Amino acid sequence: MRVFWPTILFLAVFTGASAFAVQRSDLSPEARKLLPEKDAVMVLFKNGKTVDGIQVAQSDQSITVRVTDGTITSTKVFGRSEIKEVKALDVATSLAREL
């Protein structure tokens, strides 16, 4: 299935990005260029805070996430003991952010 990016944006905005899961393989080559190669994740901490980023590594003790805030990108390591859950972000959410 080949999906063009305006279709993804429309579905993400008007139906809610969590209504269905769009996989990277569903996207056109043009849309894939807008998305990171690695998995986009949301890290939910036990204290209720969240961090969105690109998962670059993980182990039994930690997860490493590349986080972008405006024009500044940094790599952060979070201990598993402080994490409640790590959720994969739907590619439609990542694509909408890039547009």
PDB file of N, CA and C in Angstrom:
ATOM      1  N   MET A   1       0.850  -1.172   0.000  1.00  0.00           N
ATOM      2  CA  MET A   1       0.000   0.000   0.000  1.00  0.00           C
ATOM      3  C   MET A   1       0.897   1.238   0.000  1.00  0.00           C
ATOM      4  N   ARG A   2       0.703   2.111  -0.940  1.00  0.00           N
ATOM      5  CA  ARG A   2       1.493   3.335  -1.033  1.00  0.00           C
ATOM      6  C   ARG A   2       0.624   4.503  -0.604  1.00  0.00           C
ATOM      7  N   VAL A   3       1.088   5.228   0.406  1.00  0.00           N
ATOM      8  CA  VAL A   3       0.316   6.340   0.957  1.00  0.00           C
ATOM      9  C   VAL A   3       1.106   7.622   0.773  1.00  0.00           C
ATOM     10  N   PHE A   4       0.484   8.641   0.251  1.00  0.00           N
ATOM     11  CA  PHE A   4       1.123   9.932   0.045  1.00  0.00           C
ATOM     12  C   PHE A   4       0.955  10.773   1.295  1.00  0.00           C
ATOM     13  N   TRP A   5       1.933  11.616   1.660  1.00  0.00           N
ATOM     14  CA  TRP A   5       1.946  12.319   2.943  1.00  0.00           C
ATOM     15  C   TRP A   5       0.727  13.170   3.225  1.00  0.00           C
ATOM     16  N   PRO A   6       0.059  13.852   2.262  1.00  0.00           N
ATOM     17  CA  PRO A   6      -1.146  14.610   2.640  1.00  0.00           C
ATOM     18  C   PRO A   6      -2.252  13.712   3.186  1.00  0.00           C
ATOM     19  N   THR A   7      -2.314  12.477   2.683  1.00  0.00           N
ATOM     20  CA  THR A   7      -3.301  11.529   3.203  1.00  0.00           C
ATOM     21  C   THR A   7      -3.012  11.214   4.664  1.00  0.00           C
ATOM     22  N   ILE A   8      -1.739  10.986   4.983  1.00  0.00           N
ATOM     23  CA  ILE A   8      -1.358  10.696   6.366  1.00  0.00           C
ATOM     24  C   ILE A   8      -1.692  11.890   7.254  1.00  0.00           C
ATOM     25  N   LEU A   9      -1.351  13.083   6.797  1.00  0.00           N
ATOM     26  CA  LEU A   9      -1.626  14.277   7.587  1.00  0.00           C
ATOM     27  C   LEU A   9      -3.116  14.425   7.827  1.00  0.00           C
ATOM     28  N   PHE A  10      -3.921  14.241   6.788  1.00  0.00           N
ATOM     29  CA  PHE A  10      -5.377  14.346   6.927  1.00  0.00           C
ATOM     30  C   PHE A  10      -5.884  13.351   7.968  1.00  0.00           C
ATOM     31  N   LEU A  11      -5.446  12.109   7.853  1.00  0.00           N
ATOM     32  CA  LEU A  11      -5.904  11.083   8.793  1.00  0.00           C
ATOM     33  C   LEU A  11      -5.435  11.365  10.210  1.00  0.00           C
ATOM     34  N   ALA A  12      -4.210  11.833  10.356  1.00  0.00           N
ATOM     35  CA  ALA A  12      -3.673  12.131  11.681  1.00  0.00           C
ATOM     36  C   ALA A  12      -4.418  13.290  12.328  1.00  0.00           C
ATOM     37  N   VAL A  13      -4.734  14.311  11.560  1.00  0.00           N
ATOM     38  CA  VAL A  13      -5.370  15.498  12.112  1.00  0.00           C
ATOM     39  C   VAL A  13      -6.861  15.297  12.335  1.00  0.00           C
ATOM     40  N   PHE A  14      -7.546  14.705  11.377  1.00  0.00           N
ATOM     41  CA  PHE A  14      -8.996  14.644  11.438  1.00  0.00           C
ATOM     42  C   PHE A  14      -9.567  13.380  12.063  1.00  0.00           C
ATOM     43  N   THR A  15      -8.807  12.311  12.123  1.00  0.00           N
ATOM     44  CA  THR A  15      -9.332  11.105  12.751  1.00  0.00           C
ATOM     45  C   THR A  15      -8.585  10.749  14.023  1.00  0.00           C
ATOM     46  N   GLY A  16      -7.524  11.446  14.325  1.00  0.00           N
ATOM     47  CA  GLY A  16      -6.712  11.137  15.504  1.00  0.00           C
ATOM     48  C   GLY A  16      -5.657  10.131  15.125  1.00  0.00           C
ATOM     49  N   ALA A  17      -4.418  10.424  15.426  1.00  0.00           N
ATOM     50  CA  ALA A  17      -3.305   9.564  15.023  1.00  0.00           C
ATOM     51  C   ALA A  17      -3.391   8.187  15.654  1.00  0.00           C
ATOM     52  N   SER A  18      -4.074   8.064  16.786  1.00  0.00           N
ATOM     53  CA  SER A  18      -4.154   6.764  17.446  1.00  0.00           C
ATOM     54  C   SER A  18      -5.294   5.906  16.920  1.00  0.00           C
ATOM     55  N   ALA A  19      -6.054   6.385  15.936  1.00  0.00           N
ATOM     56  CA  ALA A  19      -7.177   5.623  15.406  1.00  0.00           C
ATOM     57  C   ALA A  19      -6.702   4.367  14.678  1.00  0.00           C
ATOM     58  N   PHE A  20      -5.511   4.401  14.099  1.00  0.00           N
ATOM     59  CA  PHE A  20      -4.939   3.258  13.421  1.00  0.00           C
ATOM     60  C   PHE A  20      -3.434   3.422  13.414  1.00  0.00           C
ATOM     61  N   ALA A  21      -2.737   2.338  13.207  1.00  0.00           N
ATOM     62  CA  ALA A  21      -1.279   2.398  13.193  1.00  0.00           C
ATOM     63  C   ALA A  21      -0.786   2.400  11.755  1.00  0.00           C
ATOM     64  N   VAL A  22      -0.031   3.395  11.401  1.00  0.00           N
ATOM     65  CA  VAL A  22       0.581   3.481  10.087  1.00  0.00           C
ATOM     66  C   VAL A  22       2.029   3.056  10.234  1.00  0.00           C
ATOM     67  N   GLN A  23       2.441   2.131   9.429  1.00  0.00           N
ATOM     68  CA  GLN A  23       3.809   1.650   9.471  1.00  0.00           C
ATOM     69  C   GLN A  23       4.650   2.385   8.435  1.00  0.00           C
ATOM     70  N   ARG A  24       5.923   2.474   8.678  1.00  0.00           N
ATOM     71  CA  ARG A  24       6.846   3.136   7.758  1.00  0.00           C
ATOM     72  C   ARG A  24       6.734   2.545   6.354  1.00  0.00           C
ATOM     73  N   SER A  25       6.556   1.236   6.262  1.00  0.00           N
ATOM     74  CA  SER A  25       6.467   0.564   4.962  1.00  0.00           C
ATOM     75  C   SER A  25       5.212   0.963   4.179  1.00  0.00           C
ATOM     76  N   ASP A  26       4.208   1.521   4.849  1.00  0.00           N
ATOM     77  CA  ASP A  26       2.983   1.969   4.186  1.00  0.00           C
ATOM     78  C   ASP A  26       3.179   3.284   3.437  1.00  0.00           C
ATOM     79  N   LEU A  27       4.254   3.989   3.713  1.00  0.00           N
ATOM     80  CA  LEU A  27       4.453   5.336   3.188  1.00  0.00           C
ATOM     81  C   LEU A  27       5.194   5.348   1.858  1.00  0.00           C
ATOM     82  N   SER A  28       4.976   6.403   1.113  1.00  0.00           N
ATOM     83  CA  SER A  28       5.707   6.608  -0.138  1.00  0.00           C
ATOM     84  C   SER A  28       7.164   6.945   0.191  1.00  0.00           C
ATOM     85  N   PRO A  29       8.071   6.800  -0.771  1.00  0.00           N
ATOM     86  CA  PRO A  29       9.474   7.170  -0.534  1.00  0.00           C
ATOM     87  C   PRO A  29       9.619   8.638  -0.109  1.00  0.00           C
ATOM     88  N   GLU A  30       8.793   9.515  -0.664  1.00  0.00           N
ATOM     89  CA  GLU A  30       8.854  10.932  -0.307  1.00  0.00           C
ATOM     90  C   GLU A  30       8.504  11.146   1.163  1.00  0.00           C
ATOM     91  N   ALA A  31       7.488  10.458   1.617  1.00  0.00           N
ATOM     92  CA  ALA A  31       7.077  10.581   3.025  1.00  0.00           C
ATOM     93  C   ALA A  31       8.111   9.966   3.955  1.00  0.00           C
ATOM     94  N   ARG A  32       8.737   8.861   3.544  1.00  0.00           N
ATOM     95  CA  ARG A  32       9.756   8.209   4.381  1.00  0.00           C
ATOM     96  C   ARG A  32      10.944   9.118   4.650  1.00  0.00           C
ATOM     97  N   LYS A  33      11.262  10.009   3.698  1.00  0.00           N
ATOM     98  CA  LYS A  33      12.377  10.934   3.879  1.00  0.00           C
ATOM     99  C   LYS A  33      12.140  11.893   5.044  1.00  0.00           C
ATOM    100  N   LEU A  34      10.888  12.136   5.398  1.00  0.00           N
ATOM    101  CA  LEU A  34      10.551  13.051   6.483  1.00  0.00           C
ATOM    102  C   LEU A  34      10.637  12.400   7.854  1.00  0.00           C
ATOM    103  N   LEU A  35      10.752  11.087   7.878  1.00  0.00           N
ATOM    104  CA  LEU A  35      10.727  10.348   9.142  1.00  0.00           C
ATOM    105  C   LEU A  35      12.108   9.827   9.506  1.00  0.00           C
ATOM    106  N   PRO A  36      12.362   9.721  10.787  1.00  0.00           N
ATOM    107  CA  PRO A  36      13.643   9.149  11.222  1.00  0.00           C
ATOM    108  C   PRO A  36      13.702   7.660  10.902  1.00  0.00           C
ATOM    109  N   GLU A  37      14.915   7.151  10.710  1.00  0.00           N
ATOM    110  CA  GLU A  37      15.118   5.734  10.418  1.00  0.00           C
ATOM    111  C   GLU A  37      14.836   4.844  11.629  1.00  0.00           C
ATOM    112  N   LYS A  38      15.082   5.364  12.812  1.00  0.00           N
ATOM    113  CA  LYS A  38      14.904   4.584  14.037  1.00  0.00           C
ATOM    114  C   LYS A  38      13.472   4.726  14.559  1.00  0.00           C
ATOM    115  N   ASP A  39      13.153   3.996  15.610  1.00  0.00           N
ATOM    116  CA  ASP A  39      11.818   4.016  16.194  1.00  0.00           C
ATOM    117  C   ASP A  39      11.585   5.259  17.036  1.00  0.00           C
ATOM    118  N   ALA A  40      10.485   5.931  16.753  1.00  0.00           N
ATOM    119  CA  ALA A  40      10.060   7.054  17.580  1.00  0.00           C
ATOM    120  C   ALA A  40       9.308   6.480  18.785  1.00  0.00           C
ATOM    121  N   VAL A  41       9.645   6.968  19.977  1.00  0.00           N
ATOM    122  CA  VAL A  41       9.039   6.445  21.197  1.00  0.00           C
ATOM    123  C   VAL A  41       8.607   7.573  22.131  1.00  0.00           C
ATOM    124  N   MET A  42       7.677   7.249  22.995  1.00  0.00           N
ATOM    125  CA  MET A  42       7.319   8.128  24.101  1.00  0.00           C
ATOM    126  C   MET A  42       7.676   7.371  25.372  1.00  0.00           C
ATOM    127  N   VAL A  43       8.502   7.982  26.201  1.00  0.00           N
ATOM    128  CA  VAL A  43       8.889   7.389  27.474  1.00  0.00           C
ATOM    129  C   VAL A  43       8.019   8.013  28.549  1.00  0.00           C
ATOM    130  N   LEU A  44       7.251   7.176  29.245  1.00  0.00           N
ATOM    131  CA  LEU A  44       6.400   7.622  30.348  1.00  0.00           C
ATOM    132  C   LEU A  44       7.094   7.239  31.646  1.00  0.00           C
ATOM    133  N   PHE A  45       7.369   8.256  32.466  1.00  0.00           N
ATOM    134  CA  PHE A  45       8.080   8.029  33.719  1.00  0.00           C
ATOM    135  C   PHE A  45       7.100   7.772  34.856  1.00  0.00           C
ATOM    136  N   LYS A  46       7.586   7.165  35.916  1.00  0.00           N
ATOM    137  CA  LYS A  46       6.757   6.862  37.083  1.00  0.00           C
ATOM    138  C   LYS A  46       6.211   8.125  37.728  1.00  0.00           C
ATOM    139  N   ASN A  47       6.883   9.270  37.554  1.00  0.00           N
ATOM    140  CA  ASN A  47       6.409  10.536  38.135  1.00  0.00           C
ATOM    141  C   ASN A  47       5.381  11.240  37.243  1.00  0.00           C
ATOM    142  N   GLY A  48       5.020  10.607  36.090  1.00  0.00           N
ATOM    143  CA  GLY A  48       3.993  11.157  35.216  1.00  0.00           C
ATOM    144  C   GLY A  48       4.521  11.982  34.050  1.00  0.00           C
ATOM    145  N   LYS A  49       5.786  12.344  34.069  1.00  0.00           N
ATOM    146  CA  LYS A  49       6.370  13.127  32.970  1.00  0.00           C
ATOM    147  C   LYS A  49       6.597  12.218  31.762  1.00  0.00           C
ATOM    148  N   THR A  50       6.676  12.834  30.584  1.00  0.00           N
ATOM    149  CA  THR A  50       6.929  12.078  29.362  1.00  0.00           C
ATOM    150  C   THR A  50       8.037  12.747  28.555  1.00  0.00           C
ATOM    151  N   VAL A  51       8.709  11.937  27.744  1.00  0.00           N
ATOM    152  CA  VAL A  51       9.721  12.414  26.808  1.00  0.00           C
ATOM    153  C   VAL A  51       9.478  11.685  25.492  1.00  0.00           C
ATOM    154  N   ASP A  52       9.396  12.445  24.390  1.00  0.00           N
ATOM    155  CA  ASP A  52       9.291  11.867  23.054  1.00  0.00           C
ATOM    156  C   ASP A  52      10.642  11.982  22.378  1.00  0.00           C
ATOM    157  N   GLY A  53      11.031  10.953  21.634  1.00  0.00           N
ATOM    158  CA  GLY A  53      12.292  11.003  20.923  1.00  0.00           C
ATOM    159  C   GLY A  53      12.500   9.767  20.084  1.00  0.00           C
ATOM    160  N   ILE A  54      13.716   9.617  19.623  1.00  0.00           N
ATOM    161  CA  ILE A  54      14.103   8.480  18.798  1.00  0.00           C
ATOM    162  C   ILE A  54      14.942   7.534  19.643  1.00  0.00           C
ATOM    163  N   GLN A  55      14.480   6.299  19.771  1.00  0.00           N
ATOM    164  CA  GLN A  55      15.223   5.310  20.555  1.00  0.00           C
ATOM    165  C   GLN A  55      16.468   4.903  19.784  1.00  0.00           C
ATOM    166  N   VAL A  56      17.620   5.092  20.403  1.00  0.00           N
ATOM    167  CA  VAL A  56      18.877   4.743  19.741  1.00  0.00           C
ATOM    168  C   VAL A  56      19.550   3.528  20.352  1.00  0.00           C
ATOM    169  N   ALA A  57      19.179   3.176  21.583  1.00  0.00           N
ATOM    170  CA  ALA A  57      19.739   1.990  22.239  1.00  0.00           C
ATOM    171  C   ALA A  57      18.873   1.624  23.429  1.00  0.00           C
ATOM    172  N   GLN A  58      19.014   0.374  23.855  1.00  0.00           N
ATOM    173  CA  GLN A  58      18.330  -0.062  25.071  1.00  0.00           C
ATOM    174  C   GLN A  58      19.059  -1.253  25.667  1.00  0.00           C
ATOM    175  N   SER A  59      18.903  -1.402  26.966  1.00  0.00           N
ATOM    176  CA  SER A  59      19.461  -2.547  27.678  1.00  0.00           C
ATOM    177  C   SER A  59      18.488  -2.878  28.804  1.00  0.00           C
ATOM    178  N   ASP A  60      18.839  -3.858  29.609  1.00  0.00           N
ATOM    179  CA  ASP A  60      17.996  -4.207  30.755  1.00  0.00           C
ATOM    180  C   ASP A  60      17.977  -3.089  31.789  1.00  0.00           C
ATOM    181  N   GLN A  61      19.029  -2.266  31.815  1.00  0.00           N
ATOM    182  CA  GLN A  61      19.143  -1.214  32.819  1.00  0.00           C
ATOM    183  C   GLN A  61      18.699   0.169  32.332  1.00  0.00           C
ATOM    184  N   SER A  62      18.734   0.422  31.014  1.00  0.00           N
ATOM    185  CA  SER A  62      18.451   1.781  30.534  1.00  0.00           C
ATOM    186  C   SER A  62      17.923   1.793  29.110  1.00  0.00           C
ATOM    187  N   ILE A  63      17.439   2.969  28.720  1.00  0.00           N
ATOM    188  CA  ILE A  63      17.045   3.230  27.345  1.00  0.00           C
ATOM    189  C   ILE A  63      17.671   4.568  26.956  1.00  0.00           C
ATOM    190  N   THR A  64      18.210   4.634  25.746  1.00  0.00           N
ATOM    191  CA  THR A  64      18.832   5.853  25.249  1.00  0.00           C
ATOM    192  C   THR A  64      17.946   6.428  24.158  1.00  0.00           C
ATOM    193  N   VAL A  65      17.622   7.722  24.317  1.00  0.00           N
ATOM    194  CA  VAL A  65      16.689   8.393  23.411  1.00  0.00           C
ATOM    195  C   VAL A  65      17.317   9.684  22.905  1.00  0.00           C
ATOM    196  N   ARG A  66      17.220   9.911  21.587  1.00  0.00           N
ATOM    197  CA  ARG A  66      17.655  11.190  21.003  1.00  0.00           C
ATOM    198  C   ARG A  66      16.449  12.126  21.030  1.00  0.00           C
ATOM    199  N   VAL A  67      16.609  13.239  21.725  1.00  0.00           N
ATOM    200  CA  VAL A  67      15.517  14.187  21.961  1.00  0.00           C
ATOM    201  C   VAL A  67      15.833  15.497  21.245  1.00  0.00           C
ATOM    202  N   THR A  68      14.832  16.051  20.555  1.00  0.00           N
ATOM    203  CA  THR A  68      14.999  17.333  19.879  1.00  0.00           C
ATOM    204  C   THR A  68      14.063  18.347  20.500  1.00  0.00           C
ATOM    205  N   ASP A  69      14.629  19.484  20.879  1.00  0.00           N
ATOM    206  CA  ASP A  69      13.849  20.591  21.428  1.00  0.00           C
ATOM    207  C   ASP A  69      14.185  21.819  20.590  1.00  0.00           C
ATOM    208  N   GLY A  70      13.298  22.150  19.649  1.00  0.00           N
ATOM    209  CA  GLY A  70      13.585  23.244  18.728  1.00  0.00           C
ATOM    210  C   GLY A  70      14.709  22.841  17.795  1.00  0.00           C
ATOM    211  N   THR A  71      15.811  23.561  17.852  1.00  0.00           N
ATOM    212  CA  THR A  71      16.960  23.246  16.994  1.00  0.00           C
ATOM    213  C   THR A  71      18.061  22.492  17.733  1.00  0.00           C
ATOM    214  N   ILE A  72      17.827  22.171  18.996  1.00  0.00           N
ATOM    215  CA  ILE A  72      18.831  21.485  19.809  1.00  0.00           C
ATOM    216  C   ILE A  72      18.466  20.011  19.955  1.00  0.00           C
ATOM    217  N   THR A  73      19.392  19.149  19.575  1.00  0.00           N
ATOM    218  CA  THR A  73      19.199  17.706  19.705  1.00  0.00           C
ATOM    219  C   THR A  73      20.230  17.172  20.688  1.00  0.00           C
ATOM    220  N   SER A  74      19.762  16.339  21.604  1.00  0.00           N
ATOM    221  CA  SER A  74      20.669  15.740  22.580  1.00  0.00           C
ATOM    222  C   SER A  74      20.295  14.280  22.783  1.00  0.00           C
ATOM    223  N   THR A  75      21.230  13.515  23.300  1.00  0.00           N
ATOM    224  CA  THR A  75      20.998  12.111  23.609  1.00  0.00           C
ATOM    225  C   THR A  75      20.917  11.972  25.117  1.00  0.00           C
ATOM    226  N   LYS A  76      19.830  11.319  25.564  1.00  0.00           N
ATOM    227  CA  LYS A  76      19.609  11.154  26.999  1.00  0.00           C
ATOM    228  C   LYS A  76      19.486   9.676  27.324  1.00  0.00           C
ATOM    229  N   VAL A  77      20.049   9.307  28.465  1.00  0.00           N
ATOM    230  CA  VAL A  77      19.959   7.935  28.948  1.00  0.00           C
ATOM    231  C   VAL A  77      19.078   7.937  30.181  1.00  0.00           C
ATOM    232  N   PHE A  78      18.052   7.080  30.166  1.00  0.00           N
ATOM    233  CA  PHE A  78      17.111   6.989  31.281  1.00  0.00           C
ATOM    234  C   PHE A  78      17.177   5.588  31.872  1.00  0.00           C
ATOM    235  N   GLY A  79      17.257   5.522  33.202  1.00  0.00           N
ATOM    236  CA  GLY A  79      17.282   4.240  33.894  1.00  0.00           C
ATOM    237  C   GLY A  79      15.925   3.570  33.859  1.00  0.00           C
ATOM    238  N   ARG A  80      15.925   2.276  33.655  1.00  0.00           N
ATOM    239  CA  ARG A  80      14.662   1.519  33.618  1.00  0.00           C
ATOM    240  C   ARG A  80      13.892   1.657  34.936  1.00  0.00           C
ATOM    241  N   SER A  81      14.584   1.867  36.040  1.00  0.00           N
ATOM    242  CA  SER A  81      13.914   1.958  37.339  1.00  0.00           C
ATOM    243  C   SER A  81      13.022   3.194  37.445  1.00  0.00           C
ATOM    244  N   GLU A  82      13.286   4.233  36.637  1.00  0.00           N
ATOM    245  CA  GLU A  82      12.464   5.440  36.674  1.00  0.00           C
ATOM    246  C   GLU A  82      11.374   5.462  35.597  1.00  0.00           C
ATOM    247  N   ILE A  83      11.358   4.427  34.734  1.00  0.00           N
ATOM    248  CA  ILE A  83      10.421   4.369  33.608  1.00  0.00           C
ATOM    249  C   ILE A  83       9.239   3.474  33.933  1.00  0.00           C
ATOM    250  N   LYS A  84       8.053   4.003  33.666  1.00  0.00           N
ATOM    251  CA  LYS A  84       6.831   3.213  33.815  1.00  0.00           C
ATOM    252  C   LYS A  84       6.542   2.434  32.535  1.00  0.00           C
ATOM    253  N   GLU A  85       6.712   3.107  31.369  1.00  0.00           N
ATOM    254  CA  GLU A  85       6.354   2.485  30.095  1.00  0.00           C
ATOM    255  C   GLU A  85       7.070   3.183  28.946  1.00  0.00           C
ATOM    256  N   VAL A  86       7.372   2.416  27.910  1.00  0.00           N
ATOM    257  CA  VAL A  86       7.910   2.971  26.666  1.00  0.00           C
ATOM    258  C   VAL A  86       6.945   2.561  25.557  1.00  0.00           C
ATOM    259  N   LYS A  87       6.386   3.562  24.881  1.00  0.00           N
ATOM    260  CA  LYS A  87       5.421   3.299  23.816  1.00  0.00           C
ATOM    261  C   LYS A  87       6.000   3.723  22.475  1.00  0.00           C
ATOM    262  N   ALA A  88       5.802   2.895  21.460  1.00  0.00           N
ATOM    263  CA  ALA A  88       6.182   3.273  20.100  1.00  0.00           C
ATOM    264  C   ALA A  88       5.184   4.310  19.612  1.00  0.00           C
ATOM    265  N   LEU A  89       5.696   5.370  18.980  1.00  0.00           N
ATOM    266  CA  LEU A  89       4.819   6.384  18.418  1.00  0.00           C
ATOM    267  C   LEU A  89       4.435   6.002  17.002  1.00  0.00           C
ATOM    268  N   ASP A  90       3.190   6.224  16.654  1.00  0.00           N
ATOM    269  CA  ASP A  90       2.679   5.988  15.318  1.00  0.00           C
ATOM    270  C   ASP A  90       3.433   6.904  14.352  1.00  0.00           C
ATOM    271  N   VAL A  91       3.802   6.405  13.192  1.00  0.00           N
ATOM    272  CA  VAL A  91       4.538   7.234  12.245  1.00  0.00           C
ATOM    273  C   VAL A  91       3.733   8.441  11.784  1.00  0.00           C
ATOM    274  N   ALA A  92       2.406   8.366  11.829  1.00  0.00           N
ATOM    275  CA  ALA A  92       1.572   9.519  11.446  1.00  0.00           C
ATOM    276  C   ALA A  92       1.823  10.683  12.395  1.00  0.00           C
ATOM    277  N   THR A  93       2.027  10.389  13.665  1.00  0.00           N
ATOM    278  CA  THR A  93       2.321  11.435  14.649  1.00  0.00           C
ATOM    279  C   THR A  93       3.656  12.093  14.330  1.00  0.00           C
ATOM    280  N   SER A  94       4.672  11.296  14.034  1.00  0.00           N
ATOM    281  CA  SER A  94       5.985  11.836  13.699  1.00  0.00           C
ATOM    282  C   SER A  94       5.927  12.642  12.416  1.00  0.00           C
ATOM    283  N   LEU A  95       5.212  12.141  11.425  1.00  0.00           N
ATOM    284  CA  LEU A  95       5.096  12.837  10.151  1.00  0.00           C
ATOM    285  C   LEU A  95       4.397  14.176  10.333  1.00  0.00           C
ATOM    286  N   ALA A  96       3.326  14.207  11.094  1.00  0.00           N
ATOM    287  CA  ALA A  96       2.594  15.458  11.328  1.00  0.00           C
ATOM    288  C   ALA A  96       3.495  16.481  11.999  1.00  0.00           C
ATOM    289  N   ARG A  97       4.361  16.063  12.893  1.00  0.00           N
ATOM    290  CA  ARG A  97       5.272  16.977  13.566  1.00  0.00           C
ATOM    291  C   ARG A  97       6.282  17.585  12.594  1.00  0.00           C
ATOM    292  N   GLU A  98       6.696  16.806  11.603  1.00  0.00           N
ATOM    293  CA  GLU A  98       7.681  17.281  10.643  1.00  0.00           C
ATOM    294  C   GLU A  98       7.094  18.266   9.639  1.00  0.00           C
ATOM    295  N   LEU A  99       5.798  18.207   9.442  1.00  0.00           N
ATOM    296  CA  LEU A  99       5.168  19.087   8.445  1.00  0.00           C
ATOM    297  C   LEU A  99       4.829  20.368   9.069  1.00  0.00           C
TER     298      LEU A  99
END
